[in-house]
Each structure stands twice: as structure tokens, then as C-alpha cells.
């Protein structure tokens, strides 16, 4: 399934029903901290990470960090 996250206004949070807005989100992996802008719920903080992002850039970054 290819879900577009280009317009977060089209998405609502599955936990609380609020609309998602693009926000800076922090990730920690292998002692590294990263900030990226992703659609997130302003009320509860749930983040939408698309399958495309998980299998693309995030997987590439994981491989690069693990190869070091």
C-alpha cells in the first residue's frame, strides 16, 4: 500500500482522532539522535511513518550506521 503523507491535513490520529500536522520528530538509533519532519498528532504525539520511508531512507540509514 502506498500512502501519501504529502498533505498531513488529510490524516487523523488513530488514537485520539485529531488532525496530523508536520512536526519535528526525534529518533534515536545506535546512540545517534536524528530529527526529521513528519506528520504527527499535536494532541497525543503519535507519528505517521509511511511504509515508503521505512523501506527507503530509514532502511538505507540503518544499513549505513550498522556498516560503520
Foldseek 3Di string as FASTA:
>chain_A
DFDDQPDQQVDADPPPGHGWDWDWDWDADPNDIDTDTFTAGPPPGHTDDTPCCVVPVVVVVVVVVVVD
